[in-house]
Amino acid sequence: GQTLVMTEKDAVKCRAFAEENWWYLPVDAQLSGDEPAKLLTQLTSLASGN
């Protein structure tokens, strides 16, 4: 079969039936600039029901 590359998150879901030529890559998301503050504002608003 062909080699398969997936995210680490997907690899956990495929563990039971994964084959030897299936590989995963760890992914680390990072926000930059004012994005963390915007996200926190949106999450706070959602948590308060607005």
Protein backbone atom coordinates (compact mmCIF):
# COMPACT_ATOMS: atom_id res chain seq x y z
CA GLY A 1 0.00 0.00 0.00
CA GLN A 2 0.89 3.63 -0.22
CA THR A 3 2.41 5.61 2.62
CA LEU A 4 -0.10 7.69 4.57
CA VAL A 5 0.76 10.82 6.56
CA MET A 6 -1.74 12.31 9.01
CA THR A 7 -1.87 14.55 12.06
CA GLU A 8 -1.09 13.13 15.47
CA LYS A 9 -4.73 13.71 16.48
CA ASP A 10 -5.96 11.53 13.61
CA ALA A 11 -3.31 8.90 14.31
CA VAL A 12 -4.77 8.32 17.77
CA LYS A 13 -8.15 7.59 16.18
CA CYS A 14 -6.57 5.15 13.68
CA ARG A 15 -4.37 3.30 16.17
CA ALA A 16 -6.46 0.10 16.20
CA PHE A 17 -6.19 -0.47 12.44
CA ALA A 18 -3.05 1.46 11.44
CA GLU A 19 -0.52 -0.12 9.13
CA GLU A 20 3.28 0.02 9.27
CA ASN A 21 3.53 2.57 6.45
CA TRP A 22 1.20 5.07 8.16
CA TRP A 23 2.96 8.03 9.75
CA TYR A 24 1.88 11.04 11.76
CA LEU A 25 3.18 14.55 12.26
CA PRO A 26 2.71 16.47 15.51
CA VAL A 27 1.02 19.82 14.93
CA ASP A 28 1.43 22.84 17.19
CA ALA A 29 -0.81 25.82 16.47
CA GLN A 30 0.35 29.24 17.59
CA LEU A 31 -1.58 32.49 17.40
CA SER A 32 0.28 35.71 16.66
CA GLY A 33 -0.31 39.42 16.89
CA ASP A 34 -3.63 40.42 18.42
CA GLU A 35 -5.28 37.05 17.65
CA PRO A 36 -4.90 35.66 21.23
CA ALA A 37 -6.70 38.70 22.66
CA LYS A 38 -9.46 38.47 20.03
CA LEU A 39 -9.95 34.79 20.75
CA LEU A 40 -10.11 35.38 24.50
CA THR A 41 -12.71 38.13 23.97
CA GLN A 42 -14.85 35.82 21.84
CA LEU A 43 -14.58 32.93 24.31
CA THR A 44 -15.45 35.19 27.23
CA SER A 45 -18.49 36.45 25.33
CA LEU A 46 -19.64 32.92 24.52
CA ALA A 47 -19.15 31.80 28.13
CA SER A 48 -21.31 34.67 29.38
CA GLY A 49 -24.08 33.83 26.90
CA ASN A 50 -23.72 36.92 24.69
